[in-house]
Amino acid sequence: MLNALKMLGTTELHEMIAEDHGAEAICHFCNEIYRVSEQELSELIERLQTETSSASR
């Protein structure tokens, strides 16, 4: 799920933290609920920013 969230970009991830205090996705195949905490989203944002700065070098 985190890889899918990476595609949204940092702006959307910041909005998820501010508005929803995390993220939730439901698999329509198995009905599993996947939850991502604010902390996990923050860590994902940090990783994205690191990857972006490393790629631009």
Protein backbone atom coordinates (compact mmCIF):
# COMPACT_ATOMS: atom_id res chain seq x y z
CA MET A 1 0.00 0.00 0.00
CA LEU A 2 2.85 2.40 0.76
CA ASN A 3 4.10 2.10 -2.80
CA ALA A 4 0.68 3.12 -4.06
CA LEU A 5 0.64 6.10 -1.71
CA LYS A 6 4.05 7.21 -2.99
CA MET A 7 2.45 7.90 -6.37
CA LEU A 8 0.22 10.55 -4.82
CA GLY A 9 3.15 12.79 -3.97
CA THR A 10 4.07 14.76 -0.89
CA THR A 11 1.35 17.42 -1.20
CA GLU A 12 -1.46 14.86 -1.09
CA LEU A 13 0.25 12.95 1.72
CA HIS A 14 0.49 16.14 3.79
CA GLU A 15 -3.23 16.72 3.15
CA MET A 16 -4.03 13.19 4.34
CA ILE A 17 -2.18 13.86 7.58
CA ALA A 18 -3.90 17.22 8.13
CA GLU A 19 -7.41 16.16 7.17
CA ASP A 20 -7.64 12.45 7.98
CA HIS A 21 -4.76 11.86 10.41
CA GLY A 22 -3.70 8.84 8.34
CA ALA A 23 -4.97 6.78 5.43
CA GLU A 24 -7.18 3.77 4.94
CA ALA A 25 -7.74 1.53 1.94
CA ILE A 26 -10.03 -1.44 1.51
CA CYS A 27 -9.15 -4.27 -0.86
CA HIS A 28 -12.29 -5.06 -2.82
CA PHE A 29 -10.94 -8.52 -3.60
CA CYS A 30 -10.38 -9.79 -0.04
CA ASN A 31 -12.10 -7.03 1.99
CA GLU A 32 -8.91 -6.48 3.99
CA ILE A 33 -8.62 -3.02 5.52
CA TYR A 34 -5.19 -1.43 5.32
CA ARG A 35 -4.47 1.49 7.65
CA VAL A 36 -1.51 3.86 7.57
CA SER A 37 -0.82 6.08 10.56
CA GLU A 38 0.24 9.73 10.53
CA GLN A 39 3.72 8.60 11.55
CA GLU A 40 3.95 6.18 8.63
CA LEU A 41 2.80 8.89 6.22
CA SER A 42 5.39 11.29 7.64
CA GLU A 43 8.12 8.69 7.19
CA LEU A 44 6.95 8.08 3.63
CA ILE A 45 7.13 11.82 2.90
CA GLU A 46 10.69 11.90 4.25
CA ARG A 47 11.67 8.96 2.04
CA LEU A 48 10.12 10.61 -1.01
CA GLN A 49 11.99 13.84 -0.34
CA THR A 50 15.26 11.93 0.11
CA GLU A 51 14.69 9.99 -3.13
CA THR A 52 13.89 13.20 -4.99
CA SER A 53 16.98 15.01 -3.73
CA SER A 54 19.19 11.98 -4.46
CA ALA A 55 17.82 11.69 -8.00
CA SER A 56 18.51 15.35 -8.78
CA ARG A 57 22.23 15.07 -7.95
